[in-house]
Amino acid sequence: DAVAAATVREDQYFESVGALGFFVAALFFFLAFWKSRHDMKKGGLAWVKPLILLGFALVFFFGGGEEISWGQRIFNIATPEEINAVNDQGEITIHNLDIGGIE
């Protein structure tokens, strides 16, 4: 933990590249959804592909937001006390919540 804390700090290279990757993936999936949305009118199961693409876009956008703590340090937003009490890193994120001892 000490080595990781000394070499990989919050919002540095790896976290920023990871977040950028998530957001780029979300953009590409959203563009693919936008291009294929006319398939929803074809009938049958043609509506499945656009919805899956939109789902992936939302998942990757969510991942990017979580990676940068939803801009908390970028916009200097304080963590609400209710979240701070159950979040292992004191951030506005879901992936660091410690609810009922489950990590």
PDB file of N, CA and C in Angstrom:
ATOM      1  N   ASP A   1       0.814  -1.206   0.000  1.00  0.00           N
ATOM      2  CA  ASP A   1       0.000   0.000   0.000  1.00  0.00           C
ATOM      3  C   ASP A   1       0.855   1.266   0.000  1.00  0.00           C
ATOM      4  N   ALA A   2       1.962   1.223   0.736  1.00  0.00           N
ATOM      5  CA  ALA A   2       2.824   2.403   0.809  1.00  0.00           C
ATOM      6  C   ALA A   2       3.464   2.698  -0.543  1.00  0.00           C
ATOM      7  N   VAL A   3       3.881   1.658  -1.254  1.00  0.00           N
ATOM      8  CA  VAL A   3       4.492   1.847  -2.571  1.00  0.00           C
ATOM      9  C   VAL A   3       3.461   2.393  -3.551  1.00  0.00           C
ATOM     10  N   ALA A   4       2.258   1.813  -3.528  1.00  0.00           N
ATOM     11  CA  ALA A   4       1.195   2.285  -4.419  1.00  0.00           C
ATOM     12  C   ALA A   4       0.833   3.733  -4.111  1.00  0.00           C
ATOM     13  N   ALA A   5       0.753   4.075  -2.834  1.00  0.00           N
ATOM     14  CA  ALA A   5       0.403   5.447  -2.448  1.00  0.00           C
ATOM     15  C   ALA A   5       1.486   6.436  -2.875  1.00  0.00           C
ATOM     16  N   ALA A   6       2.737   5.995  -2.858  1.00  0.00           N
ATOM     17  CA  ALA A   6       3.829   6.894  -3.228  1.00  0.00           C
ATOM     18  C   ALA A   6       3.982   7.049  -4.728  1.00  0.00           C
ATOM     19  N   THR A   7       3.597   6.034  -5.485  1.00  0.00           N
ATOM     20  CA  THR A   7       3.832   6.069  -6.934  1.00  0.00           C
ATOM     21  C   THR A   7       2.587   6.357  -7.766  1.00  0.00           C
ATOM     22  N   VAL A   8       1.420   5.991  -7.293  1.00  0.00           N
ATOM     23  CA  VAL A   8       0.186   6.175  -8.064  1.00  0.00           C
ATOM     24  C   VAL A   8      -0.795   6.987  -7.223  1.00  0.00           C
ATOM     25  N   ARG A   9      -0.764   8.313  -7.405  1.00  0.00           N
ATOM     26  CA  ARG A   9      -1.639   9.190  -6.633  1.00  0.00           C
ATOM     27  C   ARG A   9      -2.969   9.385  -7.356  1.00  0.00           C
ATOM     28  N   GLU A  10      -3.945   9.890  -6.623  1.00  0.00           N
ATOM     29  CA  GLU A  10      -5.268  10.169  -7.196  1.00  0.00           C
ATOM     30  C   GLU A  10      -5.152  11.175  -8.337  1.00  0.00           C
ATOM     31  N   ASP A  11      -5.936  10.956  -9.364  1.00  0.00           N
ATOM     32  CA  ASP A  11      -6.034  11.846 -10.521  1.00  0.00           C
ATOM     33  C   ASP A  11      -4.704  12.048 -11.243  1.00  0.00           C
ATOM     34  N   GLN A  12      -3.842  11.071 -11.171  1.00  0.00           N
ATOM     35  CA  GLN A  12      -2.593  11.151 -11.915  1.00  0.00           C
ATOM     36  C   GLN A  12      -2.727  10.339 -13.193  1.00  0.00           C
ATOM     37  N   TYR A  13      -1.618   9.930 -13.778  1.00  0.00           N
ATOM     38  CA  TYR A  13      -1.580   9.346 -15.108  1.00  0.00           C
ATOM     39  C   TYR A  13      -2.565   8.195 -15.305  1.00  0.00           C
ATOM     40  N   PHE A  14      -2.463   7.137 -14.506  1.00  0.00           N
ATOM     41  CA  PHE A  14      -3.259   5.935 -14.752  1.00  0.00           C
ATOM     42  C   PHE A  14      -4.760   6.189 -14.608  1.00  0.00           C
ATOM     43  N   GLU A  15      -5.132   6.929 -13.597  1.00  0.00           N
ATOM     44  CA  GLU A  15      -6.546   7.222 -13.387  1.00  0.00           C
ATOM     45  C   GLU A  15      -7.091   8.115 -14.499  1.00  0.00           C
ATOM     46  N   SER A  16      -6.304   9.081 -14.922  1.00  0.00           N
ATOM     47  CA  SER A  16      -6.754   9.982 -15.984  1.00  0.00           C
ATOM     48  C   SER A  16      -6.877   9.260 -17.320  1.00  0.00           C
ATOM     49  N   VAL A  17      -5.896   8.411 -17.643  1.00  0.00           N
ATOM     50  CA  VAL A  17      -5.957   7.644 -18.890  1.00  0.00           C
ATOM     51  C   VAL A  17      -7.122   6.658 -18.845  1.00  0.00           C
ATOM     52  N   GLY A  18      -7.330   6.039 -17.705  1.00  0.00           N
ATOM     53  CA  GLY A  18      -8.453   5.116 -17.557  1.00  0.00           C
ATOM     54  C   GLY A  18      -9.788   5.810 -17.765  1.00  0.00           C
ATOM     55  N   ALA A  19      -9.956   6.969 -17.146  1.00  0.00           N
ATOM     56  CA  ALA A  19     -11.203   7.725 -17.291  1.00  0.00           C
ATOM     57  C   ALA A  19     -11.395   8.168 -18.733  1.00  0.00           C
ATOM     58  N   LEU A  20     -10.322   8.641 -19.358  1.00  0.00           N
ATOM     59  CA  LEU A  20     -10.407   9.056 -20.753  1.00  0.00           C
ATOM     60  C   LEU A  20     -10.811   7.876 -21.638  1.00  0.00           C
ATOM     61  N   GLY A  21     -10.250   6.708 -21.364  1.00  0.00           N
ATOM     62  CA  GLY A  21     -10.622   5.508 -22.118  1.00  0.00           C
ATOM     63  C   GLY A  21     -12.095   5.169 -21.959  1.00  0.00           C
ATOM     64  N   PHE A  22     -12.598   5.259 -20.742  1.00  0.00           N
ATOM     65  CA  PHE A  22     -14.021   5.001 -20.501  1.00  0.00           C
ATOM     66  C   PHE A  22     -14.896   5.984 -21.278  1.00  0.00           C
ATOM     67  N   PHE A  23     -14.538   7.269 -21.225  1.00  0.00           N
ATOM     68  CA  PHE A  23     -15.345   8.282 -21.908  1.00  0.00           C
ATOM     69  C   PHE A  23     -15.276   8.146 -23.429  1.00  0.00           C
ATOM     70  N   VAL A  24     -14.120   7.787 -23.962  1.00  0.00           N
ATOM     71  CA  VAL A  24     -13.993   7.570 -25.405  1.00  0.00           C
ATOM     72  C   VAL A  24     -14.828   6.365 -25.819  1.00  0.00           C
ATOM     73  N   ALA A  25     -14.770   5.286 -25.042  1.00  0.00           N
ATOM     74  CA  ALA A  25     -15.583   4.103 -25.340  1.00  0.00           C
ATOM     75  C   ALA A  25     -17.068   4.457 -25.294  1.00  0.00           C
ATOM     76  N   ALA A  26     -17.474   5.248 -24.299  1.00  0.00           N
ATOM     77  CA  ALA A  26     -18.876   5.675 -24.200  1.00  0.00           C
ATOM     78  C   ALA A  26     -19.279   6.471 -25.430  1.00  0.00           C
ATOM     79  N   LEU A  27     -18.398   7.350 -25.880  1.00  0.00           N
ATOM     80  CA  LEU A  27     -18.688   8.146 -27.067  1.00  0.00           C
ATOM     81  C   LEU A  27     -18.864   7.261 -28.303  1.00  0.00           C
ATOM     82  N   PHE A  28     -17.965   6.293 -28.498  1.00  0.00           N
ATOM     83  CA  PHE A  28     -18.069   5.411 -29.663  1.00  0.00           C
ATOM     84  C   PHE A  28     -19.335   4.554 -29.613  1.00  0.00           C
ATOM     85  N   PHE A  29     -19.672   4.040 -28.430  1.00  0.00           N
ATOM     86  CA  PHE A  29     -20.903   3.251 -28.323  1.00  0.00           C
ATOM     87  C   PHE A  29     -22.132   4.126 -28.553  1.00  0.00           C
ATOM     88  N   PHE A  30     -22.094   5.375 -28.076  1.00  0.00           N
ATOM     89  CA  PHE A  30     -23.228   6.260 -28.314  1.00  0.00           C
ATOM     90  C   PHE A  30     -23.361   6.596 -29.801  1.00  0.00           C
ATOM     91  N   LEU A  31     -22.226   6.832 -30.464  1.00  0.00           N
ATOM     92  CA  LEU A  31     -22.277   7.099 -31.907  1.00  0.00           C
ATOM     93  C   LEU A  31     -22.802   5.886 -32.680  1.00  0.00           C
ATOM     94  N   ALA A  32     -22.405   4.687 -32.263  1.00  0.00           N
ATOM     95  CA  ALA A  32     -22.914   3.471 -32.902  1.00  0.00           C
ATOM     96  C   ALA A  32     -24.419   3.334 -32.662  1.00  0.00           C
ATOM     97  N   PHE A  33     -24.853   3.662 -31.437  1.00  0.00           N
ATOM     98  CA  PHE A  33     -26.291   3.658 -31.156  1.00  0.00           C
ATOM     99  C   PHE A  33     -27.009   4.651 -32.060  1.00  0.00           C
ATOM    100  N   TRP A  34     -26.462   5.866 -32.156  1.00  0.00           N
ATOM    101  CA  TRP A  34     -27.102   6.922 -32.941  1.00  0.00           C
ATOM    102  C   TRP A  34     -27.248   6.502 -34.405  1.00  0.00           C
ATOM    103  N   LYS A  35     -26.217   5.837 -34.911  1.00  0.00           N
ATOM    104  CA  LYS A  35     -26.236   5.400 -36.300  1.00  0.00           C
ATOM    105  C   LYS A  35     -27.226   4.243 -36.516  1.00  0.00           C
ATOM    106  N   SER A  36     -27.403   3.407 -35.511  1.00  0.00           N
ATOM    107  CA  SER A  36     -28.262   2.225 -35.673  1.00  0.00           C
ATOM    108  C   SER A  36     -29.673   2.408 -35.123  1.00  0.00           C
ATOM    109  N   ARG A  37     -29.997   3.597 -34.619  1.00  0.00           N
ATOM    110  CA  ARG A  37     -31.309   3.780 -33.988  1.00  0.00           C
ATOM    111  C   ARG A  37     -32.464   3.611 -34.965  1.00  0.00           C
ATOM    112  N   HIS A  38     -32.228   3.815 -36.262  1.00  0.00           N
ATOM    113  CA  HIS A  38     -33.290   3.617 -37.245  1.00  0.00           C
ATOM    114  C   HIS A  38     -33.673   2.136 -37.362  1.00  0.00           C
ATOM    115  N   ASP A  39     -32.790   1.236 -36.896  1.00  0.00           N
ATOM    116  CA  ASP A  39     -33.092  -0.199 -36.919  1.00  0.00           C
ATOM    117  C   ASP A  39     -34.269  -0.543 -35.999  1.00  0.00           C
ATOM    118  N   MET A  40     -34.536   0.310 -35.023  1.00  0.00           N
ATOM    119  CA  MET A  40     -35.614   0.031 -34.067  1.00  0.00           C
ATOM    120  C   MET A  40     -36.974   0.008 -34.754  1.00  0.00           C
ATOM    121  N   LYS A  41     -37.085   0.632 -35.915  1.00  0.00           N
ATOM    122  CA  LYS A  41     -38.360   0.700 -36.625  1.00  0.00           C
ATOM    123  C   LYS A  41     -38.582  -0.495 -37.553  1.00  0.00           C
ATOM    124  N   LYS A  42     -37.564  -1.361 -37.703  1.00  0.00           N
ATOM    125  CA  LYS A  42     -37.669  -2.474 -38.633  1.00  0.00           C
ATOM    126  C   LYS A  42     -38.586  -3.583 -38.144  1.00  0.00           C
ATOM    127  N   GLY A  43     -38.811  -3.630 -36.866  1.00  0.00           N
ATOM    128  CA  GLY A  43     -39.662  -4.685 -36.319  1.00  0.00           C
ATOM    129  C   GLY A  43     -38.838  -5.896 -35.905  1.00  0.00           C
ATOM    130  N   GLY A  44     -39.503  -6.868 -35.350  1.00  0.00           N
ATOM    131  CA  GLY A  44     -38.806  -8.060 -34.886  1.00  0.00           C
ATOM    132  C   GLY A  44     -37.876  -7.739 -33.733  1.00  0.00           C
ATOM    133  N   LEU A  45     -36.710  -8.348 -33.748  1.00  0.00           N
ATOM    134  CA  LEU A  45     -35.736  -8.112 -32.686  1.00  0.00           C
ATOM    135  C   LEU A  45     -34.686  -7.074 -33.073  1.00  0.00           C
ATOM    136  N   ALA A  46     -34.949  -6.315 -34.128  1.00  0.00           N
ATOM    137  CA  ALA A  46     -33.987  -5.309 -34.585  1.00  0.00           C
ATOM    138  C   ALA A  46     -33.761  -4.211 -33.542  1.00  0.00           C
ATOM    139  N   TRP A  47     -34.670  -4.038 -32.618  1.00  0.00           N
ATOM    140  CA  TRP A  47     -34.548  -3.005 -31.584  1.00  0.00           C
ATOM    141  C   TRP A  47     -33.500  -3.377 -30.529  1.00  0.00           C
ATOM    142  N   VAL A  48     -33.080  -4.664 -30.485  1.00  0.00           N
ATOM    143  CA  VAL A  48     -32.159  -5.121 -29.446  1.00  0.00           C
ATOM    144  C   VAL A  48     -30.772  -4.494 -29.618  1.00  0.00           C
ATOM    145  N   LYS A  49     -30.249  -4.490 -30.837  1.00  0.00           N
ATOM    146  CA  LYS A  49     -28.894  -3.965 -31.075  1.00  0.00           C
ATOM    147  C   LYS A  49     -28.747  -2.509 -30.638  1.00  0.00           C
ATOM    148  N   PRO A  50     -29.628  -1.604 -31.068  1.00  0.00           N
ATOM    149  CA  PRO A  50     -29.465  -0.212 -30.615  1.00  0.00           C
ATOM    150  C   PRO A  50     -29.541  -0.062 -29.090  1.00  0.00           C
ATOM    151  N   LEU A  51     -30.415  -0.820 -28.453  1.00  0.00           N
ATOM    152  CA  LEU A  51     -30.525  -0.702 -26.991  1.00  0.00           C
ATOM    153  C   LEU A  51     -29.294  -1.251 -26.284  1.00  0.00           C
ATOM    154  N   ILE A  52     -28.704  -2.315 -26.830  1.00  0.00           N
ATOM    155  CA  ILE A  52     -27.462  -2.843 -26.255  1.00  0.00           C
ATOM    156  C   ILE A  52     -26.339  -1.816 -26.405  1.00  0.00           C
ATOM    157  N   LEU A  53     -26.256  -1.194 -27.577  1.00  0.00           N
ATOM    158  CA  LEU A  53     -25.233  -0.163 -27.786  1.00  0.00           C
ATOM    159  C   LEU A  53     -25.419   1.012 -26.834  1.00  0.00           C
ATOM    160  N   LEU A  54     -26.657   1.434 -26.647  1.00  0.00           N
ATOM    161  CA  LEU A  54     -26.938   2.512 -25.703  1.00  0.00           C
ATOM    162  C   LEU A  54     -26.591   2.084 -24.274  1.00  0.00           C
ATOM    163  N   GLY A  55     -26.900   0.847 -23.936  1.00  0.00           N
ATOM    164  CA  GLY A  55     -26.552   0.327 -22.611  1.00  0.00           C
ATOM    165  C   GLY A  55     -25.055   0.356 -22.362  1.00  0.00           C
ATOM    166  N   PHE A  56     -24.264  -0.081 -23.357  1.00  0.00           N
ATOM    167  CA  PHE A  56     -22.812  -0.026 -23.216  1.00  0.00           C
ATOM    168  C   PHE A  56     -22.321   1.414 -23.084  1.00  0.00           C
ATOM    169  N   ALA A  57     -22.916   2.334 -23.843  1.00  0.00           N
ATOM    170  CA  ALA A  57     -22.532   3.741 -23.741  1.00  0.00           C
ATOM    171  C   ALA A  57     -22.758   4.250 -22.317  1.00  0.00           C
ATOM    172  N   LEU A  58     -23.893   3.903 -21.735  1.00  0.00           N
ATOM    173  CA  LEU A  58     -24.199   4.344 -20.368  1.00  0.00           C
ATOM    174  C   LEU A  58     -23.269   3.701 -19.346  1.00  0.00           C
ATOM    175  N   VAL A  59     -22.953   2.421 -19.524  1.00  0.00           N
ATOM    176  CA  VAL A  59     -22.056   1.722 -18.600  1.00  0.00           C
ATOM    177  C   VAL A  59     -20.663   2.349 -18.630  1.00  0.00           C
ATOM    178  N   PHE A  60     -20.134   2.611 -19.830  1.00  0.00           N
ATOM    179  CA  PHE A  60     -18.806   3.204 -19.919  1.00  0.00           C
ATOM    180  C   PHE A  60     -18.790   4.646 -19.426  1.00  0.00           C
ATOM    181  N   PHE A  61     -19.867   5.396 -19.661  1.00  0.00           N
ATOM    182  CA  PHE A  61     -19.951   6.755 -19.127  1.00  0.00           C
ATOM    183  C   PHE A  61     -19.952   6.713 -17.601  1.00  0.00           C
ATOM    184  N   PHE A  62     -20.711   5.787 -17.033  1.00  0.00           N
ATOM    185  CA  PHE A  62     -20.755   5.622 -15.581  1.00  0.00           C
ATOM    186  C   PHE A  62     -19.370   5.262 -15.047  1.00  0.00           C
ATOM    187  N   GLY A  63     -18.681   4.360 -15.739  1.00  0.00           N
ATOM    188  CA  GLY A  63     -17.328   3.972 -15.317  1.00  0.00           C
ATOM    189  C   GLY A  63     -16.369   5.142 -15.339  1.00  0.00           C
ATOM    190  N   GLY A  64     -16.447   5.978 -16.367  1.00  0.00           N
ATOM    191  CA  GLY A  64     -15.592   7.160 -16.436  1.00  0.00           C
ATOM    192  C   GLY A  64     -15.902   8.147 -15.329  1.00  0.00           C
ATOM    193  N   GLY A  65     -17.187   8.341 -15.063  1.00  0.00           N
ATOM    194  CA  GLY A  65     -17.585   9.241 -13.979  1.00  0.00           C
ATOM    195  C   GLY A  65     -17.098   8.750 -12.625  1.00  0.00           C
ATOM    196  N   GLU A  66     -17.208   7.442 -12.394  1.00  0.00           N
ATOM    197  CA  GLU A  66     -16.726   6.872 -11.141  1.00  0.00           C
ATOM    198  C   GLU A  66     -15.204   7.015 -11.028  1.00  0.00           C
ATOM    199  N   GLU A  67     -14.516   6.845 -12.135  1.00  0.00           N
ATOM    200  CA  GLU A  67     -13.044   6.919 -12.121  1.00  0.00           C
ATOM    201  C   GLU A  67     -12.552   8.297 -11.710  1.00  0.00           C
ATOM    202  N   ILE A  68     -13.258   9.345 -12.085  1.00  0.00           N
ATOM    203  CA  ILE A  68     -12.842  10.708 -11.701  1.00  0.00           C
ATOM    204  C   ILE A  68     -13.690  11.243 -10.547  1.00  0.00           C
ATOM    205  N   SER A  69     -14.346  10.340  -9.833  1.00  0.00           N
ATOM    206  CA  SER A  69     -15.190  10.704  -8.686  1.00  0.00           C
ATOM    207  C   SER A  69     -16.210  11.766  -9.065  1.00  0.00           C
ATOM    208  N   TRP A  70     -16.759  11.617 -10.265  1.00  0.00           N
ATOM    209  CA  TRP A  70     -17.794  12.510 -10.787  1.00  0.00           C
ATOM    210  C   TRP A  70     -17.375  13.975 -10.757  1.00  0.00           C
ATOM    211  N   GLY A  71     -16.073  14.211 -10.963  1.00  0.00           N
ATOM    212  CA  GLY A  71     -15.554  15.577 -11.034  1.00  0.00           C
ATOM    213  C   GLY A  71     -15.408  16.254  -9.687  1.00  0.00           C
ATOM    214  N   GLN A  72     -15.441  15.474  -8.620  1.00  0.00           N
ATOM    215  CA  GLN A  72     -15.416  16.052  -7.280  1.00  0.00           C
ATOM    216  C   GLN A  72     -14.179  16.905  -7.046  1.00  0.00           C
ATOM    217  N   ARG A  73     -13.001  16.398  -7.411  1.00  0.00           N
ATOM    218  CA  ARG A  73     -11.785  17.183  -7.198  1.00  0.00           C
ATOM    219  C   ARG A  73     -11.607  18.244  -8.282  1.00  0.00           C
ATOM    220  N   ILE A  74     -12.136  17.986  -9.471  1.00  0.00           N
ATOM    221  CA  ILE A  74     -12.037  18.952 -10.563  1.00  0.00           C
ATOM    222  C   ILE A  74     -12.816  20.223 -10.219  1.00  0.00           C
ATOM    223  N   PHE A  75     -14.033  20.036  -9.696  1.00  0.00           N
ATOM    224  CA  PHE A  75     -14.907  21.170  -9.381  1.00  0.00           C
ATOM    225  C   PHE A  75     -14.885  21.558  -7.905  1.00  0.00           C
ATOM    226  N   ASN A  76     -13.990  20.903  -7.127  1.00  0.00           N
ATOM    227  CA  ASN A  76     -13.824  21.194  -5.702  1.00  0.00           C
ATOM    228  C   ASN A  76     -15.147  21.068  -4.941  1.00  0.00           C
ATOM    229  N   ILE A  77     -15.786  19.909  -5.092  1.00  0.00           N
ATOM    230  CA  ILE A  77     -17.064  19.633  -4.427  1.00  0.00           C
ATOM    231  C   ILE A  77     -16.791  18.825  -3.154  1.00  0.00           C
ATOM    232  N   ALA A  78     -17.336  19.262  -2.054  1.00  0.00           N
ATOM    233  CA  ALA A  78     -17.160  18.542  -0.791  1.00  0.00           C
ATOM    234  C   ALA A  78     -18.066  17.308  -0.762  1.00  0.00           C
ATOM    235  N   THR A  79     -17.587  16.274  -0.092  1.00  0.00           N
ATOM    236  CA  THR A  79     -18.372  15.049   0.051  1.00  0.00           C
ATOM    237  C   THR A  79     -19.424  15.249   1.132  1.00  0.00           C
ATOM    238  N   PRO A  80     -20.705  14.988   0.814  1.00  0.00           N
ATOM    239  CA  PRO A  80     -21.737  15.082   1.852  1.00  0.00           C
ATOM    240  C   PRO A  80     -21.444  14.112   3.005  1.00  0.00           C
ATOM    241  N   GLU A  81     -21.757  14.507   4.214  1.00  0.00           N
ATOM    242  CA  GLU A  81     -21.470  13.695   5.400  1.00  0.00           C
ATOM    243  C   GLU A  81     -22.077  12.297   5.316  1.00  0.00           C
ATOM    244  N   GLU A  82     -23.283  12.178   4.763  1.00  0.00           N
ATOM    245  CA  GLU A  82     -23.939  10.877   4.670  1.00  0.00           C
ATOM    246  C   GLU A  82     -23.126   9.909   3.807  1.00  0.00           C
ATOM    247  N   ILE A  83     -22.564  10.409   2.720  1.00  0.00           N
ATOM    248  CA  ILE A  83     -21.750   9.571   1.840  1.00  0.00           C
ATOM    249  C   ILE A  83     -20.377   9.339   2.462  1.00  0.00           C
ATOM    250  N   ASN A  84     -19.802  10.366   3.055  1.00  0.00           N
ATOM    251  CA  ASN A  84     -18.482  10.255   3.678  1.00  0.00           C
ATOM    252  C   ASN A  84     -18.464   9.181   4.762  1.00  0.00           C
ATOM    253  N   ALA A  85     -19.574   9.017   5.457  1.00  0.00           N
ATOM    254  CA  ALA A  85     -19.642   8.042   6.546  1.00  0.00           C
ATOM    255  C   ALA A  85     -19.579   6.600   6.040  1.00  0.00           C
ATOM    256  N   VAL A  86     -20.021   6.351   4.817  1.00  0.00           N
ATOM    257  CA  VAL A  86     -20.051   4.974   4.306  1.00  0.00           C
ATOM    258  C   VAL A  86     -19.101   4.750   3.126  1.00  0.00           C
ATOM    259  N   ASN A  87     -18.300   5.743   2.762  1.00  0.00           N
ATOM    260  CA  ASN A  87     -17.395   5.624   1.633  1.00  0.00           C
ATOM    261  C   ASN A  87     -15.974   5.477   2.145  1.00  0.00           C
ATOM    262  N   ASP A  88     -15.287   4.414   1.709  1.00  0.00           N
ATOM    263  CA  ASP A  88     -13.941   4.125   2.194  1.00  0.00           C
ATOM    264  C   ASP A  88     -12.932   5.211   1.863  1.00  0.00           C
ATOM    265  N   GLN A  89     -13.121   5.932   0.754  1.00  0.00           N
ATOM    266  CA  GLN A  89     -12.163   6.965   0.370  1.00  0.00           C
ATOM    267  C   GLN A  89     -12.709   8.378   0.548  1.00  0.00           C
ATOM    268  N   GLY A  90     -13.895   8.500   1.102  1.00  0.00           N
ATOM    269  CA  GLY A  90     -14.470   9.821   1.336  1.00  0.00           C
ATOM    270  C   GLY A  90     -14.780  10.563   0.057  1.00  0.00           C
ATOM    271  N   GLU A  91     -15.228   9.841  -0.973  1.00  0.00           N
ATOM    272  CA  GLU A  91     -15.522  10.437  -2.274  1.00  0.00           C
ATOM    273  C   GLU A  91     -16.979  10.214  -2.646  1.00  0.00           C
ATOM    274  N   ILE A  92     -17.418  10.948  -3.659  1.00  0.00           N
ATOM    275  CA  ILE A  92     -18.766  10.762  -4.192  1.00  0.00           C
ATOM    276  C   ILE A  92     -18.700   9.673  -5.257  1.00  0.00           C
ATOM    277  N   THR A  93     -18.558   8.437  -4.815  1.00  0.00           N
ATOM    278  CA  THR A  93     -18.513   7.297  -5.727  1.00  0.00           C
ATOM    279  C   THR A  93     -19.322   6.150  -5.151  1.00  0.00           C
ATOM    280  N   ILE A  94     -19.727   5.280  -6.029  1.00  0.00           N
ATOM    281  CA  ILE A  94     -20.467   4.091  -5.585  1.00  0.00           C
ATOM    282  C   ILE A  94     -19.510   2.931  -5.347  1.00  0.00           C
ATOM    283  N   HIS A  95     -18.446   2.837  -6.152  1.00  0.00           N
ATOM    284  CA  HIS A  95     -17.569   1.671  -6.050  1.00  0.00           C
ATOM    285  C   HIS A  95     -16.718   1.643  -4.782  1.00  0.00           C
ATOM    286  N   ASN A  96     -16.707   2.684  -4.000  1.00  0.00           N
ATOM    287  CA  ASN A  96     -15.964   2.689  -2.726  1.00  0.00           C
ATOM    288  C   ASN A  96     -16.871   2.634  -1.502  1.00  0.00           C
ATOM    289  N   LEU A  97     -18.157   2.368  -1.715  1.00  0.00           N
ATOM    290  CA  LEU A  97     -19.082   2.308  -0.584  1.00  0.00           C
ATOM    291  C   LEU A  97     -18.826   1.070   0.255  1.00  0.00           C
ATOM    292  N   ASP A  98     -18.901   1.222   1.555  1.00  0.00           N
ATOM    293  CA  ASP A  98     -18.760   0.112   2.499  1.00  0.00           C
ATOM    294  C   ASP A  98     -20.090  -0.006   3.238  1.00  0.00           C
ATOM    295  N   ILE A  99     -20.982  -0.799   2.646  1.00  0.00           N
ATOM    296  CA  ILE A  99     -22.319  -0.950   3.217  1.00  0.00           C
ATOM    297  C   ILE A  99     -22.411  -2.332   3.863  1.00  0.00           C
ATOM    298  N   GLY A 100     -22.604  -2.343   5.162  1.00  0.00           N
ATOM    299  CA  GLY A 100     -22.764  -3.595   5.882  1.00  0.00           C
ATOM    300  C   GLY A 100     -21.519  -4.468   5.871  1.00  0.00           C
ATOM    301  N   GLY A 101     -20.348  -3.867   5.788  1.00  0.00           N
ATOM    302  CA  GLY A 101     -19.111  -4.630   5.825  1.00  0.00           C
ATOM    303  C   GLY A 101     -18.720  -5.249   4.495  1.00  0.00           C
ATOM    304  N   ILE A 102     -19.520  -5.049   3.447  1.00  0.00           N
ATOM    305  CA  ILE A 102     -19.214  -5.598   2.133  1.00  0.00           C
ATOM    306  C   ILE A 102     -18.345  -4.598   1.388  1.00  0.00           C
ATOM    307  N   GLU A 103     -17.206  -5.058   0.904  1.00  0.00           N
ATOM    308  CA  GLU A 103     -16.322  -4.156   0.157  1.00  0.00           C
ATOM    309  C   GLU A 103     -16.148  -4.649  -1.249  1.00  0.00           C
TER     310      GLU A 103
END
